[in-house]
Amino acid sequence: PPDYSGFYGDETSVVRIHSGNGQHEDMDRRAISCFEQALTDVGL
């Protein structure tokens, strides 16, 4: 359901929160690794 865009904001607001921080490839790789681990944590 469109709950995020209906209650909180649009893609612009999300991208702005994540912008202006320079390059951070190591952080991105680690965030993806955390996501993979979270998939296991929730039983997937």
ModelCIF file with pLDDT and N, C-alpha, C, O atoms, coordinates in Angstrom:
data_MODEL
#
_entry.id   MODEL 
#
_entity.id                         1 
_entity.type                       polymer 
_entity.pdbx_number_of_molecules   1 
#
_entity_poly.entity_id                      1 
_entity_poly.type                           'polypeptide(L)' 
_entity_poly.nstd_linkage                   no 
_entity_poly.nstd_monomer                   no 
_entity_poly.pdbx_seq_one_letter_code       PPDYSGFYGDETSVVRIHSGNGQHEDMDRRAISCFEQALTDVGL 
_entity_poly.pdbx_seq_one_letter_code_can   PPDYSGFYGDETSVVRIHSGNGQHEDMDRRAISCFEQALTDVGL 
_entity_poly.pdbx_strand_id                 A 
#
loop_
_entity_poly_seq.entity_id 
_entity_poly_seq.num 
_entity_poly_seq.mon_id 
_entity_poly_seq.hetero 
1 1  PRO n 
1 2  PRO n 
1 3  ASP n 
1 4  TYR n 
1 5  SER n 
1 6  GLY n 
1 7  PHE n 
1 8  TYR n 
1 9  GLY n 
1 10 ASP n 
1 11 GLU n 
1 12 THR n 
1 13 SER n 
1 14 VAL n 
1 15 VAL n 
1 16 ARG n 
1 17 ILE n 
1 18 HIS n 
1 19 SER n 
1 20 GLY n 
1 21 ASN n 
1 22 GLY n 
1 23 GLN n 
1 24 HIS n 
1 25 GLU n 
1 26 ASP n 
1 27 MET n 
1 28 ASP n 
1 29 ARG n 
1 30 ARG n 
1 31 ALA n 
1 32 ILE n 
1 33 SER n 
1 34 CYS n 
1 35 PHE n 
1 36 GLU n 
1 37 GLN n 
1 38 ALA n 
1 39 LEU n 
1 40 THR n 
1 41 ASP n 
1 42 VAL n 
1 43 GLY n 
1 44 LEU n 
#
_struct_asym.id          A 
_struct_asym.entity_id   1 
#
loop_
_ma_qa_metric.id 
_ma_qa_metric.mode 
_ma_qa_metric.name 
_ma_qa_metric.software_group_id 
_ma_qa_metric.type 
1 global pLDDT . pLDDT 
2 local  pLDDT . pLDDT 
#
_ma_qa_metric_global.metric_id      1 
_ma_qa_metric_global.metric_value   90.84 
_ma_qa_metric_global.model_id       1 
_ma_qa_metric_global.ordinal_id     1 
#
loop_
_ma_qa_metric_local.label_asym_id 
_ma_qa_metric_local.label_comp_id 
_ma_qa_metric_local.label_seq_id 
_ma_qa_metric_local.metric_id 
_ma_qa_metric_local.metric_value 
_ma_qa_metric_local.model_id 
_ma_qa_metric_local.ordinal_id 
A PRO 1  2 89.00 1 1  
A PRO 2  2 92.00 1 2  
A ASP 3  2 91.00 1 3  
A TYR 4  2 94.00 1 4  
A SER 5  2 95.00 1 5  
A GLY 6  2 95.00 1 6  
A PHE 7  2 95.00 1 7  
A TYR 8  2 95.00 1 8  
A GLY 9  2 94.00 1 9  
A ASP 10 2 95.00 1 10 
A GLU 11 2 92.00 1 11 
A THR 12 2 92.00 1 12 
A SER 13 2 91.00 1 13 
A VAL 14 2 91.00 1 14 
A VAL 15 2 90.00 1 15 
A ARG 16 2 91.00 1 16 
A ILE 17 2 85.00 1 17 
A HIS 18 2 81.00 1 18 
A SER 19 2 77.00 1 19 
A GLY 20 2 69.00 1 20 
A ASN 21 2 76.00 1 21 
A GLY 22 2 73.00 1 22 
A GLN 23 2 85.00 1 23 
A HIS 24 2 84.00 1 24 
A GLU 25 2 92.00 1 25 
A ASP 26 2 92.00 1 26 
A MET 27 2 88.00 1 27 
A ASP 28 2 92.00 1 28 
A ARG 29 2 96.00 1 29 
A ARG 30 2 96.00 1 30 
A ALA 31 2 95.00 1 31 
A ILE 32 2 97.00 1 32 
A SER 33 2 97.00 1 33 
A CYS 34 2 97.00 1 34 
A PHE 35 2 97.00 1 35 
A GLU 36 2 97.00 1 36 
A GLN 37 2 97.00 1 37 
A ALA 38 2 96.00 1 38 
A LEU 39 2 95.00 1 39 
A THR 40 2 95.00 1 40 
A ASP 41 2 96.00 1 41 
A VAL 42 2 92.00 1 42 
A GLY 43 2 90.00 1 43 
A LEU 44 2 88.00 1 44 
#
loop_
_atom_site.group_PDB 
_atom_site.id 
_atom_site.type_symbol 
_atom_site.label_atom_id 
_atom_site.label_alt_id 
_atom_site.label_comp_id 
_atom_site.label_asym_id 
_atom_site.label_entity_id 
_atom_site.label_seq_id 
_atom_site.pdbx_PDB_ins_code 
_atom_site.Cartn_x 
_atom_site.Cartn_y 
_atom_site.Cartn_z 
_atom_site.occupancy 
_atom_site.B_iso_or_equiv 
_atom_site.pdbx_formal_charge 
_atom_site.auth_seq_id 
_atom_site.auth_comp_id 
_atom_site.auth_asym_id 
_atom_site.auth_atom_id 
_atom_site.pdbx_PDB_model_num 
ATOM 1   N N  . PRO A 1 1  ? 0.826  -1.212  0.000  1.00 89.00 ? 1  PRO A N  1 
ATOM 2   C CA . PRO A 1 1  ? 0.000  0.000   0.000  1.00 89.00 ? 1  PRO A CA 1 
ATOM 3   C C  . PRO A 1 1  ? 0.864  1.267   0.000  1.00 89.00 ? 1  PRO A C  1 
ATOM 4   O O  . PRO A 1 1  ? 1.998  1.247   0.477  1.00 89.00 ? 1  PRO A O  1 
ATOM 5   N N  . PRO A 1 2  ? 0.325  2.362   -0.534 1.00 92.00 ? 2  PRO A N  1 
ATOM 6   C CA . PRO A 1 2  ? 1.083  3.619   -0.623 1.00 92.00 ? 2  PRO A CA 1 
ATOM 7   C C  . PRO A 1 2  ? 1.093  4.399   0.695  1.00 92.00 ? 2  PRO A C  1 
ATOM 8   O O  . PRO A 1 2  ? 0.845  5.604   0.712  1.00 92.00 ? 2  PRO A O  1 
ATOM 9   N N  . ASP A 1 3  ? 1.377  3.713   1.776  1.00 91.00 ? 3  ASP A N  1 
ATOM 10  C CA . ASP A 1 3  ? 1.353  4.362   3.084  1.00 91.00 ? 3  ASP A CA 1 
ATOM 11  C C  . ASP A 1 3  ? 2.460  5.391   3.259  1.00 91.00 ? 3  ASP A C  1 
ATOM 12  O O  . ASP A 1 3  ? 2.239  6.449   3.848  1.00 91.00 ? 3  ASP A O  1 
ATOM 13  N N  . TYR A 1 4  ? 3.654  5.086   2.750  1.00 94.00 ? 4  TYR A N  1 
ATOM 14  C CA . TYR A 1 4  ? 4.734  6.057   2.929  1.00 94.00 ? 4  TYR A CA 1 
ATOM 15  C C  . TYR A 1 4  ? 4.393  7.364   2.221  1.00 94.00 ? 4  TYR A C  1 
ATOM 16  O O  . TYR A 1 4  ? 4.421  8.432   2.833  1.00 94.00 ? 4  TYR A O  1 
ATOM 17  N N  . SER A 1 5  ? 4.078  7.278   0.960  1.00 95.00 ? 5  SER A N  1 
ATOM 18  C CA . SER A 1 5  ? 3.796  8.501   0.206  1.00 95.00 ? 5  SER A CA 1 
ATOM 19  C C  . SER A 1 5  ? 2.492  9.151   0.658  1.00 95.00 ? 5  SER A C  1 
ATOM 20  O O  . SER A 1 5  ? 2.306  10.353  0.470  1.00 95.00 ? 5  SER A O  1 
ATOM 21  N N  . GLY A 1 6  ? 1.591  8.378   1.247  1.00 95.00 ? 6  GLY A N  1 
ATOM 22  C CA . GLY A 1 6  ? 0.334  8.933   1.724  1.00 95.00 ? 6  GLY A CA 1 
ATOM 23  C C  . GLY A 1 6  ? 0.444  9.648   3.061  1.00 95.00 ? 6  GLY A C  1 
ATOM 24  O O  . GLY A 1 6  ? -0.311 10.583  3.327  1.00 95.00 ? 6  GLY A O  1 
ATOM 25  N N  . PHE A 1 7  ? 1.378  9.216   3.905  1.00 95.00 ? 7  PHE A N  1 
ATOM 26  C CA . PHE A 1 7  ? 1.476  9.771   5.251  1.00 95.00 ? 7  PHE A CA 1 
ATOM 27  C C  . PHE A 1 7  ? 2.770  10.523  5.554  1.00 95.00 ? 7  PHE A C  1 
ATOM 28  O O  . PHE A 1 7  ? 2.764  11.466  6.345  1.00 95.00 ? 7  PHE A O  1 
ATOM 29  N N  . TYR A 1 8  ? 3.873  10.118  4.938  1.00 95.00 ? 8  TYR A N  1 
ATOM 30  C CA . TYR A 1 8  ? 5.168  10.637  5.369  1.00 95.00 ? 8  TYR A CA 1 
ATOM 31  C C  . TYR A 1 8  ? 5.870  11.548  4.368  1.00 95.00 ? 8  TYR A C  1 
ATOM 32  O O  . TYR A 1 8  ? 6.510  12.517  4.775  1.00 95.00 ? 8  TYR A O  1 
ATOM 33  N N  . GLY A 1 9  ? 5.770  11.270  3.088  1.00 94.00 ? 9  GLY A N  1 
ATOM 34  C CA . GLY A 1 9  ? 6.471  12.084  2.107  1.00 94.00 ? 9  GLY A CA 1 
ATOM 35  C C  . GLY A 1 9  ? 6.657  11.339  0.807  1.00 94.00 ? 9  GLY A C  1 
ATOM 36  O O  . GLY A 1 9  ? 6.145  10.234  0.626  1.00 94.00 ? 9  GLY A O  1 
ATOM 37  N N  . ASP A 1 10 ? 7.395  11.955  -0.093 1.00 95.00 ? 10 ASP A N  1 
ATOM 38  C CA . ASP A 1 10 ? 7.651  11.348  -1.394 1.00 95.00 ? 10 ASP A CA 1 
ATOM 39  C C  . ASP A 1 10 ? 9.104  10.904  -1.485 1.00 95.00 ? 10 ASP A C  1 
ATOM 40  O O  . ASP A 1 10 ? 9.859  11.004  -0.517 1.00 95.00 ? 10 ASP A O  1 
ATOM 41  N N  . GLU A 1 11 ? 9.477  10.423  -2.634 1.00 92.00 ? 11 GLU A N  1 
ATOM 42  C CA . GLU A 1 11 ? 10.851 9.966   -2.853 1.00 92.00 ? 11 GLU A CA 1 
ATOM 43  C C  . GLU A 1 11 ? 11.842 11.111  -2.688 1.00 92.00 ? 11 GLU A C  1 
ATOM 44  O O  . GLU A 1 11 ? 12.955 10.907  -2.202 1.00 92.00 ? 11 GLU A O  1 
ATOM 45  N N  . THR A 1 12 ? 11.447 12.299  -3.087 1.00 92.00 ? 12 THR A N  1 
ATOM 46  C CA . THR A 1 12 ? 12.334 13.455  -2.943 1.00 92.00 ? 12 THR A CA 1 
ATOM 47  C C  . THR A 1 12 ? 12.753 13.629  -1.490 1.00 92.00 ? 12 THR A C  1 
ATOM 48  O O  . THR A 1 12 ? 13.931 13.846  -1.208 1.00 92.00 ? 12 THR A O  1 
ATOM 49  N N  . SER A 1 13 ? 11.806 13.537  -0.570 1.00 91.00 ? 13 SER A N  1 
ATOM 50  C CA . SER A 1 13 ? 12.143 13.729  0.847  1.00 91.00 ? 13 SER A CA 1 
ATOM 51  C C  . SER A 1 13 ? 13.093 12.644  1.345  1.00 91.00 ? 13 SER A C  1 
ATOM 52  O O  . SER A 1 13 ? 13.997 12.924  2.132  1.00 91.00 ? 13 SER A O  1 
ATOM 53  N N  . VAL A 1 14 ? 12.892 11.411  0.891  1.00 91.00 ? 14 VAL A N  1 
ATOM 54  C CA . VAL A 1 14 ? 13.763 10.308  1.304  1.00 91.00 ? 14 VAL A CA 1 
ATOM 55  C C  . VAL A 1 14 ? 15.174 10.504  0.747  1.00 91.00 ? 14 VAL A C  1 
ATOM 56  O O  . VAL A 1 14 ? 16.157 10.361  1.472  1.00 91.00 ? 14 VAL A O  1 
ATOM 57  N N  . VAL A 1 15 ? 15.266 10.827  -0.525 1.00 90.00 ? 15 VAL A N  1 
ATOM 58  C CA . VAL A 1 15 ? 16.577 10.984  -1.158 1.00 90.00 ? 15 VAL A CA 1 
ATOM 59  C C  . VAL A 1 15 ? 17.327 12.166  -0.557 1.00 90.00 ? 15 VAL A C  1 
ATOM 60  O O  . VAL A 1 15 ? 18.543 12.098  -0.384 1.00 90.00 ? 15 VAL A O  1 
ATOM 61  N N  . ARG A 1 16 ? 16.625 13.244  -0.238 1.00 91.00 ? 16 ARG A N  1 
ATOM 62  C CA . ARG A 1 16 ? 17.298 14.399  0.379  1.00 91.00 ? 16 ARG A CA 1 
ATOM 63  C C  . ARG A 1 16 ? 17.923 14.042  1.724  1.00 91.00 ? 16 ARG A C  1 
ATOM 64  O O  . ARG A 1 16 ? 19.009 14.519  2.053  1.00 91.00 ? 16 ARG A O  1 
ATOM 65  N N  . ILE A 1 17 ? 17.243 13.209  2.493  1.00 85.00 ? 17 ILE A N  1 
ATOM 66  C CA . ILE A 1 17 ? 17.798 12.785  3.787  1.00 85.00 ? 17 ILE A CA 1 
ATOM 67  C C  . ILE A 1 17 ? 19.121 12.045  3.592  1.00 85.00 ? 17 ILE A C  1 
ATOM 68  O O  . ILE A 1 17 ? 20.025 12.144  4.422  1.00 85.00 ? 17 ILE A O  1 
ATOM 69  N N  . HIS A 1 18 ? 19.225 11.301  2.487  1.00 81.00 ? 18 HIS A N  1 
ATOM 70  C CA . HIS A 1 18 ? 20.409 10.487  2.228  1.00 81.00 ? 18 HIS A CA 1 
ATOM 71  C C  . HIS A 1 18 ? 21.452 11.192  1.364  1.00 81.00 ? 18 HIS A C  1 
ATOM 72  O O  . HIS A 1 18 ? 22.435 10.567  0.964  1.00 81.00 ? 18 HIS A O  1 
ATOM 73  N N  . SER A 1 19 ? 21.262 12.463  1.071  1.00 77.00 ? 19 SER A N  1 
ATOM 74  C CA . SER A 1 19 ? 22.142 13.175  0.133  1.00 77.00 ? 19 SER A CA 1 
ATOM 75  C C  . SER A 1 19 ? 23.055 14.167  0.835  1.00 77.00 ? 19 SER A C  1 
ATOM 76  O O  . SER A 1 19 ? 22.828 14.561  1.979  1.00 77.00 ? 19 SER A O  1 
ATOM 77  N N  . GLY A 1 20 ? 24.101 14.558  0.102  1.00 69.00 ? 20 GLY A N  1 
ATOM 78  C CA . GLY A 1 20 ? 25.029 15.567  0.583  1.00 69.00 ? 20 GLY A CA 1 
ATOM 79  C C  . GLY A 1 20 ? 26.074 15.050  1.544  1.00 69.00 ? 20 GLY A C  1 
ATOM 80  O O  . GLY A 1 20 ? 26.644 15.820  2.316  1.00 69.00 ? 20 GLY A O  1 
ATOM 81  N N  . ASN A 1 21 ? 26.332 13.767  1.507  1.00 76.00 ? 21 ASN A N  1 
ATOM 82  C CA . ASN A 1 21 ? 27.284 13.169  2.447  1.00 76.00 ? 21 ASN A CA 1 
ATOM 83  C C  . ASN A 1 21 ? 28.543 12.646  1.776  1.00 76.00 ? 21 ASN A C  1 
ATOM 84  O O  . ASN A 1 21 ? 29.305 11.896  2.386  1.00 76.00 ? 21 ASN A O  1 
ATOM 85  N N  . GLY A 1 22 ? 28.768 13.030  0.537  1.00 73.00 ? 22 GLY A N  1 
ATOM 86  C CA . GLY A 1 22 ? 29.935 12.548  -0.186 1.00 73.00 ? 22 GLY A CA 1 
ATOM 87  C C  . GLY A 1 22 ? 29.806 11.076  -0.536 1.00 73.00 ? 22 GLY A C  1 
ATOM 88  O O  . GLY A 1 22 ? 28.763 10.456  -0.332 1.00 73.00 ? 22 GLY A O  1 
ATOM 89  N N  . GLN A 1 23 ? 30.888 10.538  -1.065 1.00 85.00 ? 23 GLN A N  1 
ATOM 90  C CA . GLN A 1 23 ? 30.891 9.112   -1.411 1.00 85.00 ? 23 GLN A CA 1 
ATOM 91  C C  . GLN A 1 23 ? 31.096 8.291   -0.149 1.00 85.00 ? 23 GLN A C  1 
ATOM 92  O O  . GLN A 1 23 ? 31.840 8.688   0.748  1.00 85.00 ? 23 GLN A O  1 
ATOM 93  N N  . HIS A 1 24 ? 30.439 7.156   -0.085 1.00 84.00 ? 24 HIS A N  1 
ATOM 94  C CA . HIS A 1 24 ? 30.557 6.281   1.089  1.00 84.00 ? 24 HIS A CA 1 
ATOM 95  C C  . HIS A 1 24 ? 30.327 4.834   0.692  1.00 84.00 ? 24 HIS A C  1 
ATOM 96  O O  . HIS A 1 24 ? 29.424 4.169   1.200  1.00 84.00 ? 24 HIS A O  1 
ATOM 97  N N  . GLU A 1 25 ? 31.165 4.357   -0.234 1.00 92.00 ? 25 GLU A N  1 
ATOM 98  C CA . GLU A 1 25 ? 31.003 3.003   -0.755 1.00 92.00 ? 25 GLU A CA 1 
ATOM 99  C C  . GLU A 1 25 ? 31.156 1.926   0.308  1.00 92.00 ? 25 GLU A C  1 
ATOM 100 O O  . GLU A 1 25 ? 30.418 0.941   0.296  1.00 92.00 ? 25 GLU A O  1 
ATOM 101 N N  . ASP A 1 26 ? 32.106 2.096   1.232  1.00 92.00 ? 26 ASP A N  1 
ATOM 102 C CA . ASP A 1 26 ? 32.280 1.098   2.283  1.00 92.00 ? 26 ASP A CA 1 
ATOM 103 C C  . ASP A 1 26 ? 31.039 1.040   3.167  1.00 92.00 ? 26 ASP A C  1 
ATOM 104 O O  . ASP A 1 26 ? 30.580 -0.044  3.526  1.00 92.00 ? 26 ASP A O  1 
ATOM 105 N N  . MET A 1 27 ? 30.498 2.198   3.515  1.00 88.00 ? 27 MET A N  1 
ATOM 106 C CA . MET A 1 27 ? 29.279 2.234   4.319  1.00 88.00 ? 27 MET A CA 1 
ATOM 107 C C  . MET A 1 27 ? 28.133 1.560   3.571  1.00 88.00 ? 27 MET A C  1 
ATOM 108 O O  . MET A 1 27 ? 27.358 0.811   4.165  1.00 88.00 ? 27 MET A O  1 
ATOM 109 N N  . ASP A 1 28 ? 28.025 1.821   2.278  1.00 92.00 ? 28 ASP A N  1 
ATOM 110 C CA . ASP A 1 28 ? 26.968 1.207   1.482  1.00 92.00 ? 28 ASP A CA 1 
ATOM 111 C C  . ASP A 1 28 ? 27.103 -0.314  1.462  1.00 92.00 ? 28 ASP A C  1 
ATOM 112 O O  . ASP A 1 28 ? 26.119 -1.030  1.647  1.00 92.00 ? 28 ASP A O  1 
ATOM 113 N N  . ARG A 1 29 ? 28.315 -0.803  1.239  1.00 96.00 ? 29 ARG A N  1 
ATOM 114 C CA . ARG A 1 29 ? 28.541 -2.257  1.231  1.00 96.00 ? 29 ARG A CA 1 
ATOM 115 C C  . ARG A 1 29 ? 28.151 -2.871  2.574  1.00 96.00 ? 29 ARG A C  1 
ATOM 116 O O  . ARG A 1 29 ? 27.527 -3.931  2.630  1.00 96.00 ? 29 ARG A O  1 
ATOM 117 N N  . ARG A 1 30 ? 28.521 -2.200  3.628  1.00 96.00 ? 30 ARG A N  1 
ATOM 118 C CA . ARG A 1 30 ? 28.218 -2.717  4.962  1.00 96.00 ? 30 ARG A CA 1 
ATOM 119 C C  . ARG A 1 30 ? 26.719 -2.655  5.256  1.00 96.00 ? 30 ARG A C  1 
ATOM 120 O O  . ARG A 1 30 ? 26.183 -3.547  5.913  1.00 96.00 ? 30 ARG A O  1 
ATOM 121 N N  . ALA A 1 31 ? 26.036 -1.606  4.776  1.00 95.00 ? 31 ALA A N  1 
ATOM 122 C CA . ALA A 1 31 ? 24.582 -1.511  4.957  1.00 95.00 ? 31 ALA A CA 1 
ATOM 123 C C  . ALA A 1 31 ? 23.884 -2.658  4.231  1.00 95.00 ? 31 ALA A C  1 
ATOM 124 O O  . ALA A 1 31 ? 22.915 -3.224  4.737  1.00 95.00 ? 31 ALA A O  1 
ATOM 125 N N  . ILE A 1 32 ? 24.382 -2.992  3.049  1.00 97.00 ? 32 ILE A N  1 
ATOM 126 C CA . ILE A 1 32 ? 23.822 -4.117  2.293  1.00 97.00 ? 32 ILE A CA 1 
ATOM 127 C C  . ILE A 1 32 ? 24.081 -5.433  3.040  1.00 97.00 ? 32 ILE A C  1 
ATOM 128 O O  . ILE A 1 32 ? 23.206 -6.296  3.102  1.00 97.00 ? 32 ILE A O  1 
ATOM 129 N N  . SER A 1 33 ? 25.253 -5.578  3.591  1.00 97.00 ? 33 SER A N  1 
ATOM 130 C CA . SER A 1 33 ? 25.559 -6.770  4.380  1.00 97.00 ? 33 SER A CA 1 
ATOM 131 C C  . SER A 1 33 ? 24.642 -6.866  5.604  1.00 97.00 ? 33 SER A C  1 
ATOM 132 O O  . SER A 1 33 ? 24.175 -7.950  5.952  1.00 97.00 ? 33 SER A O  1 
ATOM 133 N N  . CYS A 1 34 ? 24.390 -5.734  6.248  1.00 97.00 ? 34 CYS A N  1 
ATOM 134 C CA . CYS A 1 34 ? 23.461 -5.718  7.390  1.00 97.00 ? 34 CYS A CA 1 
ATOM 135 C C  . CYS A 1 34 ? 22.066 -6.145  6.955  1.00 97.00 ? 34 CYS A C  1 
ATOM 136 O O  . CYS A 1 34 ? 21.364 -6.831  7.699  1.00 97.00 ? 34 CYS A O  1 
ATOM 137 N N  . PHE A 1 35 ? 21.662 -5.741  5.749  1.00 97.00 ? 35 PHE A N  1 
ATOM 138 C CA . PHE A 1 35 ? 20.353 -6.135  5.235  1.00 97.00 ? 35 PHE A CA 1 
ATOM 139 C C  . PHE A 1 35 ? 20.299 -7.642  5.020  1.00 97.00 ? 35 PHE A C  1 
ATOM 140 O O  . PHE A 1 35 ? 19.317 -8.292  5.379  1.00 97.00 ? 35 PHE A O  1 
ATOM 141 N N  . GLU A 1 36 ? 21.356 -8.193  4.435  1.00 97.00 ? 36 GLU A N  1 
ATOM 142 C CA . GLU A 1 36 ? 21.416 -9.646  4.230  1.00 97.00 ? 36 GLU A CA 1 
ATOM 143 C C  . GLU A 1 36 ? 21.319 -10.385 5.562  1.00 97.00 ? 36 GLU A C  1 
ATOM 144 O O  . GLU A 1 36 ? 20.623 -11.394 5.668  1.00 97.00 ? 36 GLU A O  1 
ATOM 145 N N  . GLN A 1 37 ? 22.011 -9.883  6.567  1.00 97.00 ? 37 GLN A N  1 
ATOM 146 C CA . GLN A 1 37 ? 21.950 -10.504 7.888  1.00 97.00 ? 37 GLN A CA 1 
ATOM 147 C C  . GLN A 1 37 ? 20.560 -10.355 8.503  1.00 97.00 ? 37 GLN A C  1 
ATOM 148 O O  . GLN A 1 37 ? 20.070 -11.267 9.169  1.00 97.00 ? 37 GLN A O  1 
ATOM 149 N N  . ALA A 1 38 ? 19.928 -9.204  8.280  1.00 96.00 ? 38 ALA A N  1 
ATOM 150 C CA . ALA A 1 38 ? 18.573 -8.974  8.806  1.00 96.00 ? 38 ALA A CA 1 
ATOM 151 C C  . ALA A 1 38 ? 17.572 -9.937  8.172  1.00 96.00 ? 38 ALA A C  1 
ATOM 152 O O  . ALA A 1 38 ? 16.635 -10.381 8.834  1.00 96.00 ? 38 ALA A O  1 
ATOM 153 N N  . LEU A 1 39 ? 17.766 -10.260 6.899  1.00 95.00 ? 39 LEU A N  1 
ATOM 154 C CA . LEU A 1 39 ? 16.892 -11.244 6.257  1.00 95.00 ? 39 LEU A CA 1 
ATOM 155 C C  . LEU A 1 39 ? 16.952 -12.578 6.994  1.00 95.00 ? 39 LEU A C  1 
ATOM 156 O O  . LEU A 1 39 ? 15.931 -13.242 7.175  1.00 95.00 ? 39 LEU A O  1 
ATOM 157 N N  . THR A 1 40 ? 18.140 -12.962 7.414  1.00 95.00 ? 40 THR A N  1 
ATOM 158 C CA . THR A 1 40 ? 18.301 -14.182 8.204  1.00 95.00 ? 40 THR A CA 1 
ATOM 159 C C  . THR A 1 40 ? 17.682 -14.004 9.588  1.00 95.00 ? 40 THR A C  1 
ATOM 160 O O  . THR A 1 40 ? 17.025 -14.911 10.099 1.00 95.00 ? 40 THR A O  1 
ATOM 161 N N  . ASP A 1 41 ? 17.892 -12.836 10.192 1.00 96.00 ? 41 ASP A N  1 
ATOM 162 C CA . ASP A 1 41 ? 17.347 -12.573 11.528 1.00 96.00 ? 41 ASP A CA 1 
ATOM 163 C C  . ASP A 1 41 ? 15.829 -12.731 11.577 1.00 96.00 ? 41 ASP A C  1 
ATOM 164 O O  . ASP A 1 41 ? 15.285 -13.178 12.587 1.00 96.00 ? 41 ASP A O  1 
ATOM 165 N N  . VAL A 1 42 ? 15.143 -12.365 10.491 1.00 92.00 ? 42 VAL A N  1 
ATOM 166 C CA . VAL A 1 42 ? 13.671 -12.467 10.480 1.00 92.00 ? 42 VAL A CA 1 
ATOM 167 C C  . VAL A 1 42 ? 13.184 -13.827 9.975  1.00 92.00 ? 42 VAL A C  1 
ATOM 168 O O  . VAL A 1 42 ? 11.983 -14.042 9.812  1.00 92.00 ? 42 VAL A O  1 
ATOM 169 N N  . GLY A 1 43 ? 14.118 -14.731 9.730  1.00 90.00 ? 43 GLY A N  1 
ATOM 170 C CA . GLY A 1 43 ? 13.740 -16.090 9.370  1.00 90.00 ? 43 GLY A CA 1 
ATOM 171 C C  . GLY A 1 43 ? 13.600 -16.362 7.891  1.00 90.00 ? 43 GLY A C  1 
ATOM 172 O O  . GLY A 1 43 ? 13.062 -17.400 7.502  1.00 90.00 ? 43 GLY A O  1 
ATOM 173 N N  . LEU A 1 44 ? 14.067 -15.463 7.066  1.00 88.00 ? 44 LEU A N  1 
ATOM 174 C CA . LEU A 1 44 ? 13.977 -15.692 5.622  1.00 88.00 ? 44 LEU A CA 1 
ATOM 175 C C  . LEU A 1 44 ? 15.227 -16.446 5.175  1.00 88.00 ? 44 LEU A C  1 
ATOM 176 O O  . LEU A 1 44 ? 15.373 -16.752 3.992  1.00 88.00 ? 44 LEU A O  1 
#
